[in-house]
Amino acid sequence: MNTKQVADVKVYSKDYCPYCVRAKQLLKHKGIEFTEYQVDRDQEKYREMLEKSNGGRTVPQIFIGDVHVGGCDDLYALHRQDKLDALLFA
């Protein structure tokens, strides 16, 4: 496996969200760089999140490249199935 991340990772989150914390912890543990958007502070990013996630209102909403991963449980499921690295690395 290459260790160089190639996919752009975006996490739409809110303050005081335990699922957001868990998702970011996994990404950090894997050494993944990501851009975080606090949708409770930025209505424009909230609207962007809704559009990109086909109306998903819960947080986090996680995107790896053009792939909408979903939320925290979805991210961990990909990790457990050894499918996460395939999205992140070339």
PDB file of N, CA and C in Angstrom:
ATOM      1  N   MET A   1       0.838  -1.189   0.000  1.00  0.00           N
ATOM      2  CA  MET A   1       0.000   0.000   0.000  1.00  0.00           C
ATOM      3  C   MET A   1       0.873   1.239   0.000  1.00  0.00           C
ATOM      4  N   ASN A   2       0.520   2.210  -0.826  1.00  0.00           N
ATOM      5  CA  ASN A   2       1.197   3.497  -0.786  1.00  0.00           C
ATOM      6  C   ASN A   2       0.830   4.207   0.504  1.00  0.00           C
ATOM      7  N   THR A   3       1.729   5.014   0.984  1.00  0.00           N
ATOM      8  CA  THR A   3       1.433   5.758   2.206  1.00  0.00           C
ATOM      9  C   THR A   3       1.083   7.204   1.894  1.00  0.00           C
ATOM     10  N   LYS A   4       1.054   7.572   0.624  1.00  0.00           N
ATOM     11  CA  LYS A   4       0.722   8.938   0.261  1.00  0.00           C
ATOM     12  C   LYS A   4      -0.768   9.034  -0.046  1.00  0.00           C
ATOM     13  N   GLN A   5      -1.414   9.887   0.698  1.00  0.00           N
ATOM     14  CA  GLN A   5      -2.845  10.108   0.518  1.00  0.00           C
ATOM     15  C   GLN A   5      -3.065  10.835  -0.799  1.00  0.00           C
ATOM     16  N   VAL A   6      -4.011  10.362  -1.593  1.00  0.00           N
ATOM     17  CA  VAL A   6      -4.280  11.017  -2.859  1.00  0.00           C
ATOM     18  C   VAL A   6      -5.676  11.641  -2.910  1.00  0.00           C
ATOM     19  N   ALA A   7      -6.583  11.147  -2.119  1.00  0.00           N
ATOM     20  CA  ALA A   7      -7.959  11.653  -2.149  1.00  0.00           C
ATOM     21  C   ALA A   7      -8.127  12.847  -1.213  1.00  0.00           C
ATOM     22  N   ASP A   8      -8.940  13.786  -1.650  1.00  0.00           N
ATOM     23  CA  ASP A   8      -9.311  14.940  -0.841  1.00  0.00           C
ATOM     24  C   ASP A   8     -10.433  14.503   0.103  1.00  0.00           C
ATOM     25  N   VAL A   9     -10.244  14.697   1.392  1.00  0.00           N
ATOM     26  CA  VAL A   9     -11.224  14.259   2.388  1.00  0.00           C
ATOM     27  C   VAL A   9     -11.869  15.484   3.023  1.00  0.00           C
ATOM     28  N   LYS A  10     -13.205  15.478   3.049  1.00  0.00           N
ATOM     29  CA  LYS A  10     -13.966  16.572   3.649  1.00  0.00           C
ATOM     30  C   LYS A  10     -14.897  15.997   4.707  1.00  0.00           C
ATOM     31  N   VAL A  11     -14.925  16.659   5.856  1.00  0.00           N
ATOM     32  CA  VAL A  11     -15.793  16.252   6.956  1.00  0.00           C
ATOM     33  C   VAL A  11     -16.661  17.443   7.331  1.00  0.00           C
ATOM     34  N   TYR A  12     -17.958  17.291   7.170  1.00  0.00           N
ATOM     35  CA  TYR A  12     -18.923  18.311   7.596  1.00  0.00           C
ATOM     36  C   TYR A  12     -19.363  17.912   8.996  1.00  0.00           C
ATOM     37  N   SER A  13     -19.183  18.817   9.963  1.00  0.00           N
ATOM     38  CA  SER A  13     -19.435  18.451  11.355  1.00  0.00           C
ATOM     39  C   SER A  13     -20.062  19.605  12.121  1.00  0.00           C
ATOM     40  N   LYS A  14     -20.324  19.335  13.409  1.00  0.00           N
ATOM     41  CA  LYS A  14     -20.839  20.346  14.337  1.00  0.00           C
ATOM     42  C   LYS A  14     -20.067  20.231  15.642  1.00  0.00           C
ATOM     43  N   ASP A  15     -20.064  21.322  16.390  1.00  0.00           N
ATOM     44  CA  ASP A  15     -19.477  21.295  17.735  1.00  0.00           C
ATOM     45  C   ASP A  15     -20.259  20.310  18.594  1.00  0.00           C
ATOM     46  N   TYR A  16     -19.583  19.726  19.555  1.00  0.00           N
ATOM     47  CA  TYR A  16     -20.210  18.850  20.550  1.00  0.00           C
ATOM     48  C   TYR A  16     -20.930  17.652  19.927  1.00  0.00           C
ATOM     49  N   CYS A  17     -20.360  17.116  18.867  1.00  0.00           N
ATOM     50  CA  CYS A  17     -20.932  15.947  18.195  1.00  0.00           C
ATOM     51  C   CYS A  17     -19.991  14.767  18.427  1.00  0.00           C
ATOM     52  N   PRO A  18     -20.405  13.798  19.263  1.00  0.00           N
ATOM     53  CA  PRO A  18     -19.512  12.667  19.552  1.00  0.00           C
ATOM     54  C   PRO A  18     -19.195  11.819  18.324  1.00  0.00           C
ATOM     55  N   TYR A  19     -20.119  11.717  17.383  1.00  0.00           N
ATOM     56  CA  TYR A  19     -19.858  10.956  16.163  1.00  0.00           C
ATOM     57  C   TYR A  19     -18.817  11.654  15.292  1.00  0.00           C
ATOM     58  N   CYS A  20     -18.865  12.978  15.275  1.00  0.00           N
ATOM     59  CA  CYS A  20     -17.868  13.749  14.530  1.00  0.00           C
ATOM     60  C   CYS A  20     -16.488  13.530  15.134  1.00  0.00           C
ATOM     61  N   VAL A  21     -16.416  13.542  16.457  1.00  0.00           N
ATOM     62  CA  VAL A  21     -15.145  13.324  17.154  1.00  0.00           C
ATOM     63  C   VAL A  21     -14.587  11.945  16.808  1.00  0.00           C
ATOM     64  N   ARG A  22     -15.428  10.926  16.853  1.00  0.00           N
ATOM     65  CA  ARG A  22     -14.974   9.554  16.546  1.00  0.00           C
ATOM     66  C   ARG A  22     -14.474   9.431  15.118  1.00  0.00           C
ATOM     67  N   ALA A  23     -15.201  10.022  14.179  1.00  0.00           N
ATOM     68  CA  ALA A  23     -14.793   9.944  12.769  1.00  0.00           C
ATOM     69  C   ALA A  23     -13.449  10.643  12.568  1.00  0.00           C
ATOM     70  N   LYS A  24     -13.300  11.821  13.151  1.00  0.00           N
ATOM     71  CA  LYS A  24     -12.033  12.555  13.015  1.00  0.00           C
ATOM     72  C   LYS A  24     -10.894  11.816  13.703  1.00  0.00           C
ATOM     73  N   GLN A  25     -11.186  11.140  14.810  1.00  0.00           N
ATOM     74  CA  GLN A  25     -10.144  10.357  15.498  1.00  0.00           C
ATOM     75  C   GLN A  25      -9.619   9.243  14.602  1.00  0.00           C
ATOM     76  N   LEU A  26     -10.525   8.547  13.903  1.00  0.00           N
ATOM     77  CA  LEU A  26     -10.084   7.482  13.005  1.00  0.00           C
ATOM     78  C   LEU A  26      -9.215   8.044  11.889  1.00  0.00           C
ATOM     79  N   LEU A  27      -9.652   9.137  11.295  1.00  0.00           N
ATOM     80  CA  LEU A  27      -8.868   9.737  10.219  1.00  0.00           C
ATOM     81  C   LEU A  27      -7.490  10.175  10.720  1.00  0.00           C
ATOM     82  N   LYS A  28      -7.462  10.796  11.881  1.00  0.00           N
ATOM     83  CA  LYS A  28      -6.178  11.236  12.448  1.00  0.00           C
ATOM     84  C   LYS A  28      -5.288  10.040  12.779  1.00  0.00           C
ATOM     85  N   HIS A  29      -5.878   8.987  13.330  1.00  0.00           N
ATOM     86  CA  HIS A  29      -5.129   7.779  13.675  1.00  0.00           C
ATOM     87  C   HIS A  29      -4.472   7.176  12.433  1.00  0.00           C
ATOM     88  N   LYS A  30      -5.156   7.262  11.298  1.00  0.00           N
ATOM     89  CA  LYS A  30      -4.618   6.740  10.055  1.00  0.00           C
ATOM     90  C   LYS A  30      -3.684   7.738   9.370  1.00  0.00           C
ATOM     91  N   GLY A  31      -3.509   8.923   9.964  1.00  0.00           N
ATOM     92  CA  GLY A  31      -2.633   9.935   9.381  1.00  0.00           C
ATOM     93  C   GLY A  31      -3.237  10.641   8.182  1.00  0.00           C
ATOM     94  N   ILE A  32      -4.554  10.683   8.126  1.00  0.00           N
ATOM     95  CA  ILE A  32      -5.259  11.271   6.991  1.00  0.00           C
ATOM     96  C   ILE A  32      -5.478  12.754   7.219  1.00  0.00           C
ATOM     97  N   GLU A  33      -5.094  13.541   6.227  1.00  0.00           N
ATOM     98  CA  GLU A  33      -5.384  14.970   6.269  1.00  0.00           C
ATOM     99  C   GLU A  33      -6.794  15.184   5.745  1.00  0.00           C
ATOM    100  N   PHE A  34      -7.530  16.079   6.383  1.00  0.00           N
ATOM    101  CA  PHE A  34      -8.898  16.347   5.953  1.00  0.00           C
ATOM    102  C   PHE A  34      -9.242  17.799   6.214  1.00  0.00           C
ATOM    103  N   THR A  35     -10.235  18.261   5.480  1.00  0.00           N
ATOM    104  CA  THR A  35     -10.773  19.599   5.677  1.00  0.00           C
ATOM    105  C   THR A  35     -12.080  19.450   6.436  1.00  0.00           C
ATOM    106  N   GLU A  36     -12.197  20.211   7.509  1.00  0.00           N
ATOM    107  CA  GLU A  36     -13.410  20.146   8.322  1.00  0.00           C
ATOM    108  C   GLU A  36     -14.219  21.420   8.143  1.00  0.00           C
ATOM    109  N   TYR A  37     -15.507  21.252   7.950  1.00  0.00           N
ATOM    110  CA  TYR A  37     -16.431  22.379   7.849  1.00  0.00           C
ATOM    111  C   TYR A  37     -17.421  22.284   9.005  1.00  0.00           C
ATOM    112  N   GLN A  38     -17.470  23.311   9.819  1.00  0.00           N
ATOM    113  CA  GLN A  38     -18.398  23.373  10.949  1.00  0.00           C
ATOM    114  C   GLN A  38     -19.727  23.945  10.442  1.00  0.00           C
ATOM    115  N   VAL A  39     -20.678  23.068  10.168  1.00  0.00           N
ATOM    116  CA  VAL A  39     -21.926  23.510   9.547  1.00  0.00           C
ATOM    117  C   VAL A  39     -22.852  24.235  10.514  1.00  0.00           C
ATOM    118  N   ASP A  40     -22.586  24.141  11.811  1.00  0.00           N
ATOM    119  CA  ASP A  40     -23.395  24.907  12.753  1.00  0.00           C
ATOM    120  C   ASP A  40     -22.933  26.359  12.817  1.00  0.00           C
ATOM    121  N   ARG A  41     -21.804  26.652  12.224  1.00  0.00           N
ATOM    122  CA  ARG A  41     -21.271  28.020  12.194  1.00  0.00           C
ATOM    123  C   ARG A  41     -21.327  28.648  10.811  1.00  0.00           C
ATOM    124  N   ASP A  42     -21.543  27.843   9.792  1.00  0.00           N
ATOM    125  CA  ASP A  42     -21.463  28.321   8.415  1.00  0.00           C
ATOM    126  C   ASP A  42     -22.656  27.780   7.626  1.00  0.00           C
ATOM    127  N   GLN A  43     -23.670  28.609   7.449  1.00  0.00           N
ATOM    128  CA  GLN A  43     -24.891  28.177   6.758  1.00  0.00           C
ATOM    129  C   GLN A  43     -24.637  27.827   5.295  1.00  0.00           C
ATOM    130  N   GLU A  44     -23.684  28.494   4.673  1.00  0.00           N
ATOM    131  CA  GLU A  44     -23.358  28.175   3.282  1.00  0.00           C
ATOM    132  C   GLU A  44     -22.807  26.748   3.177  1.00  0.00           C
ATOM    133  N   LYS A  45     -21.940  26.358   4.107  1.00  0.00           N
ATOM    134  CA  LYS A  45     -21.396  24.992   4.113  1.00  0.00           C
ATOM    135  C   LYS A  45     -22.483  23.980   4.477  1.00  0.00           C
ATOM    136  N   TYR A  46     -23.431  24.393   5.318  1.00  0.00           N
ATOM    137  CA  TYR A  46     -24.556  23.511   5.647  1.00  0.00           C
ATOM    138  C   TYR A  46     -25.376  23.215   4.397  1.00  0.00           C
ATOM    139  N   ARG A  47     -25.673  24.251   3.610  1.00  0.00           N
ATOM    140  CA  ARG A  47     -26.424  24.064   2.365  1.00  0.00           C
ATOM    141  C   ARG A  47     -25.627  23.199   1.386  1.00  0.00           C
ATOM    142  N   GLU A  48     -24.316  23.434   1.332  1.00  0.00           N
ATOM    143  CA  GLU A  48     -23.445  22.626   0.473  1.00  0.00           C
ATOM    144  C   GLU A  48     -23.499  21.154   0.888  1.00  0.00           C
ATOM    145  N   MET A  49     -23.449  20.910   2.199  1.00  0.00           N
ATOM    146  CA  MET A  49     -23.511  19.548   2.717  1.00  0.00           C
ATOM    147  C   MET A  49     -24.830  18.882   2.311  1.00  0.00           C
ATOM    148  N   LEU A  50     -25.936  19.602   2.466  1.00  0.00           N
ATOM    149  CA  LEU A  50     -27.242  19.058   2.104  1.00  0.00           C
ATOM    150  C   LEU A  50     -27.295  18.672   0.630  1.00  0.00           C
ATOM    151  N   GLU A  51     -26.760  19.532  -0.202  1.00  0.00           N
ATOM    152  CA  GLU A  51     -26.775  19.282  -1.641  1.00  0.00           C
ATOM    153  C   GLU A  51     -25.891  18.089  -2.006  1.00  0.00           C
ATOM    154  N   LYS A  52     -24.675  18.064  -1.478  1.00  0.00           N
ATOM    155  CA  LYS A  52     -23.736  16.997  -1.830  1.00  0.00           C
ATOM    156  C   LYS A  52     -24.158  15.642  -1.281  1.00  0.00           C
ATOM    157  N   SER A  53     -24.867  15.640  -0.149  1.00  0.00           N
ATOM    158  CA  SER A  53     -25.255  14.380   0.497  1.00  0.00           C
ATOM    159  C   SER A  53     -26.690  13.978   0.164  1.00  0.00           C
ATOM    160  N   ASN A  54     -27.283  14.631  -0.831  1.00  0.00           N
ATOM    161  CA  ASN A  54     -28.671  14.348  -1.220  1.00  0.00           C
ATOM    162  C   ASN A  54     -29.633  14.500  -0.050  1.00  0.00           C
ATOM    163  N   GLY A  55     -29.436  15.567   0.726  1.00  0.00           N
ATOM    164  CA  GLY A  55     -30.357  15.885   1.812  1.00  0.00           C
ATOM    165  C   GLY A  55     -29.976  15.340   3.168  1.00  0.00           C
ATOM    166  N   GLY A  56     -28.799  14.733   3.286  1.00  0.00           N
ATOM    167  CA  GLY A  56     -28.359  14.212   4.579  1.00  0.00           C
ATOM    168  C   GLY A  56     -28.161  15.338   5.585  1.00  0.00           C
ATOM    169  N   ARG A  57     -28.931  15.304   6.663  1.00  0.00           N
ATOM    170  CA  ARG A  57     -28.890  16.384   7.661  1.00  0.00           C
ATOM    171  C   ARG A  57     -28.063  16.039   8.889  1.00  0.00           C
ATOM    172  N   THR A  58     -27.768  14.773   9.081  1.00  0.00           N
ATOM    173  CA  THR A  58     -27.003  14.380  10.259  1.00  0.00           C
ATOM    174  C   THR A  58     -25.515  14.608  10.013  1.00  0.00           C
ATOM    175  N   VAL A  59     -24.782  14.760  11.090  1.00  0.00           N
ATOM    176  CA  VAL A  59     -23.339  14.925  10.993  1.00  0.00           C
ATOM    177  C   VAL A  59     -22.667  13.807  11.769  1.00  0.00           C
ATOM    178  N   PRO A  60     -21.473  13.458  11.360  1.00  0.00           N
ATOM    179  CA  PRO A  60     -20.745  14.037  10.239  1.00  0.00           C
ATOM    180  C   PRO A  60     -21.255  13.507   8.898  1.00  0.00           C
ATOM    181  N   GLN A  61     -20.993  14.270   7.864  1.00  0.00           N
ATOM    182  CA  GLN A  61     -21.139  13.814   6.488  1.00  0.00           C
ATOM    183  C   GLN A  61     -19.717  13.824   5.939  1.00  0.00           C
ATOM    184  N   ILE A  62     -19.255  12.679   5.468  1.00  0.00           N
ATOM    185  CA  ILE A  62     -17.860  12.509   5.086  1.00  0.00           C
ATOM    186  C   ILE A  62     -17.774  12.211   3.594  1.00  0.00           C
ATOM    187  N   PHE A  63     -16.845  12.889   2.946  1.00  0.00           N
ATOM    188  CA  PHE A  63     -16.609  12.706   1.522  1.00  0.00           C
ATOM    189  C   PHE A  63     -15.139  12.414   1.305  1.00  0.00           C
ATOM    190  N   ILE A  64     -14.866  11.397   0.509  1.00  0.00           N
ATOM    191  CA  ILE A  64     -13.501  11.070   0.117  1.00  0.00           C
ATOM    192  C   ILE A  64     -13.459  11.191  -1.392  1.00  0.00           C
ATOM    193  N   GLY A  65     -12.773  12.218  -1.858  1.00  0.00           N
ATOM    194  CA  GLY A  65     -12.822  12.527  -3.284  1.00  0.00           C
ATOM    195  C   GLY A  65     -14.258  12.845  -3.655  1.00  0.00           C
ATOM    196  N   ASP A  66     -14.760  12.176  -4.689  1.00  0.00           N
ATOM    197  CA  ASP A  66     -16.143  12.380  -5.127  1.00  0.00           C
ATOM    198  C   ASP A  66     -17.116  11.402  -4.483  1.00  0.00           C
ATOM    199  N   VAL A  67     -16.611  10.567  -3.581  1.00  0.00           N
ATOM    200  CA  VAL A  67     -17.441   9.528  -2.962  1.00  0.00           C
ATOM    201  C   VAL A  67     -18.042  10.030  -1.653  1.00  0.00           C
ATOM    202  N   HIS A  68     -19.360   9.938  -1.548  1.00  0.00           N
ATOM    203  CA  HIS A  68     -20.038  10.271  -0.302  1.00  0.00           C
ATOM    204  C   HIS A  68     -20.013   9.024   0.572  1.00  0.00           C
ATOM    205  N   VAL A  69     -19.158   9.036   1.583  1.00  0.00           N
ATOM    206  CA  VAL A  69     -19.008   7.886   2.477  1.00  0.00           C
ATOM    207  C   VAL A  69     -20.224   7.749   3.368  1.00  0.00           C
ATOM    208  N   GLY A  70     -20.741   8.864   3.852  1.00  0.00           N
ATOM    209  CA  GLY A  70     -21.847   8.863   4.797  1.00  0.00           C
ATOM    210  C   GLY A  70     -21.377   9.406   6.121  1.00  0.00           C
ATOM    211  N   GLY A  71     -21.771   8.738   7.207  1.00  0.00           N
ATOM    212  CA  GLY A  71     -21.438   9.219   8.542  1.00  0.00           C
ATOM    213  C   GLY A  71     -20.347   8.409   9.209  1.00  0.00           C
ATOM    214  N   CYS A  72     -20.247   8.574  10.505  1.00  0.00           N
ATOM    215  CA  CYS A  72     -19.215   7.926  11.307  1.00  0.00           C
ATOM    216  C   CYS A  72     -19.288   6.406  11.208  1.00  0.00           C
ATOM    217  N   ASP A  73     -20.481   5.843  11.380  1.00  0.00           N
ATOM    218  CA  ASP A  73     -20.626   4.384  11.322  1.00  0.00           C
ATOM    219  C   ASP A  73     -20.223   3.847   9.951  1.00  0.00           C
ATOM    220  N   ASP A  74     -20.556   4.589   8.903  1.00  0.00           N
ATOM    221  CA  ASP A  74     -20.194   4.175   7.552  1.00  0.00           C
ATOM    222  C   ASP A  74     -18.675   4.188   7.361  1.00  0.00           C
ATOM    223  N   LEU A  75     -18.018   5.207   7.918  1.00  0.00           N
ATOM    224  CA  LEU A  75     -16.559   5.312   7.828  1.00  0.00           C
ATOM    225  C   LEU A  75     -15.900   4.130   8.534  1.00  0.00           C
ATOM    226  N   TYR A  76     -16.365   3.819   9.733  1.00  0.00           N
ATOM    227  CA  TYR A  76     -15.804   2.690  10.487  1.00  0.00           C
ATOM    228  C   TYR A  76     -16.094   1.355   9.789  1.00  0.00           C
ATOM    229  N   ALA A  77     -17.261   1.244   9.152  1.00  0.00           N
ATOM    230  CA  ALA A  77     -17.584   0.011   8.422  1.00  0.00           C
ATOM    231  C   ALA A  77     -16.609  -0.189   7.265  1.00  0.00           C
ATOM    232  N   LEU A  78     -16.313   0.870   6.527  1.00  0.00           N
ATOM    233  CA  LEU A  78     -15.328   0.772   5.453  1.00  0.00           C
ATOM    234  C   LEU A  78     -13.969   0.360   6.000  1.00  0.00           C
ATOM    235  N   HIS A  79     -13.606   0.919   7.141  1.00  0.00           N
ATOM    236  CA  HIS A  79     -12.322   0.588   7.767  1.00  0.00           C
ATOM    237  C   HIS A  79     -12.283  -0.895   8.159  1.00  0.00           C
ATOM    238  N   ARG A  80     -13.341  -1.379   8.782  1.00  0.00           N
ATOM    239  CA  ARG A  80     -13.395  -2.785   9.197  1.00  0.00           C
ATOM    240  C   ARG A  80     -13.364  -3.742   8.009  1.00  0.00           C
ATOM    241  N   GLN A  81     -13.941  -3.324   6.896  1.00  0.00           N
ATOM    242  CA  GLN A  81     -13.989  -4.158   5.695  1.00  0.00           C
ATOM    243  C   GLN A  81     -12.734  -4.002   4.835  1.00  0.00           C
ATOM    244  N   ASP A  82     -11.757  -3.245   5.331  1.00  0.00           N
ATOM    245  CA  ASP A  82     -10.512  -2.975   4.589  1.00  0.00           C
ATOM    246  C   ASP A  82     -10.776  -2.321   3.237  1.00  0.00           C
ATOM    247  N   LYS A  83     -11.790  -1.477   3.165  1.00  0.00           N
ATOM    248  CA  LYS A  83     -12.111  -0.763   1.931  1.00  0.00           C
ATOM    249  C   LYS A  83     -11.758   0.717   1.998  1.00  0.00           C
ATOM    250  N   LEU A  84     -11.458   1.214   3.194  1.00  0.00           N
ATOM    251  CA  LEU A  84     -11.184   2.635   3.361  1.00  0.00           C
ATOM    252  C   LEU A  84      -9.901   3.042   2.652  1.00  0.00           C
ATOM    253  N   ASP A  85      -8.850   2.264   2.809  1.00  0.00           N
ATOM    254  CA  ASP A  85      -7.565   2.616   2.207  1.00  0.00           C
ATOM    255  C   ASP A  85      -7.660   2.708   0.681  1.00  0.00           C
ATOM    256  N   ALA A  86      -8.497   1.870   0.081  1.00  0.00           N
ATOM    257  CA  ALA A  86      -8.656   1.904  -1.369  1.00  0.00           C
ATOM    258  C   ALA A  86      -9.207   3.253  -1.850  1.00  0.00           C
ATOM    259  N   LEU A  87     -10.030   3.892  -1.021  1.00  0.00           N
ATOM    260  CA  LEU A  87     -10.552   5.211  -1.365  1.00  0.00           C
ATOM    261  C   LEU A  87      -9.511   6.312  -1.142  1.00  0.00           C
ATOM    262  N   LEU A  88      -8.653   6.091  -0.155  1.00  0.00           N
ATOM    263  CA  LEU A  88      -7.712   7.137   0.254  1.00  0.00           C
ATOM    264  C   LEU A  88      -6.400   7.143  -0.515  1.00  0.00           C
ATOM    265  N   PHE A  89      -5.927   5.960  -0.902  1.00  0.00           N
ATOM    266  CA  PHE A  89      -4.585   5.838  -1.459  1.00  0.00           C
ATOM    267  C   PHE A  89      -4.635   5.258  -2.874  1.00  0.00           C
ATOM    268  N   ALA A  90      -3.685   5.691  -3.697  1.00  0.00           N
ATOM    269  CA  ALA A  90      -3.597   5.145  -5.065  1.00  0.00           C
ATOM    270  C   ALA A  90      -2.707   3.927  -5.089  1.00  0.00           C
TER     271      ALA A  90
END
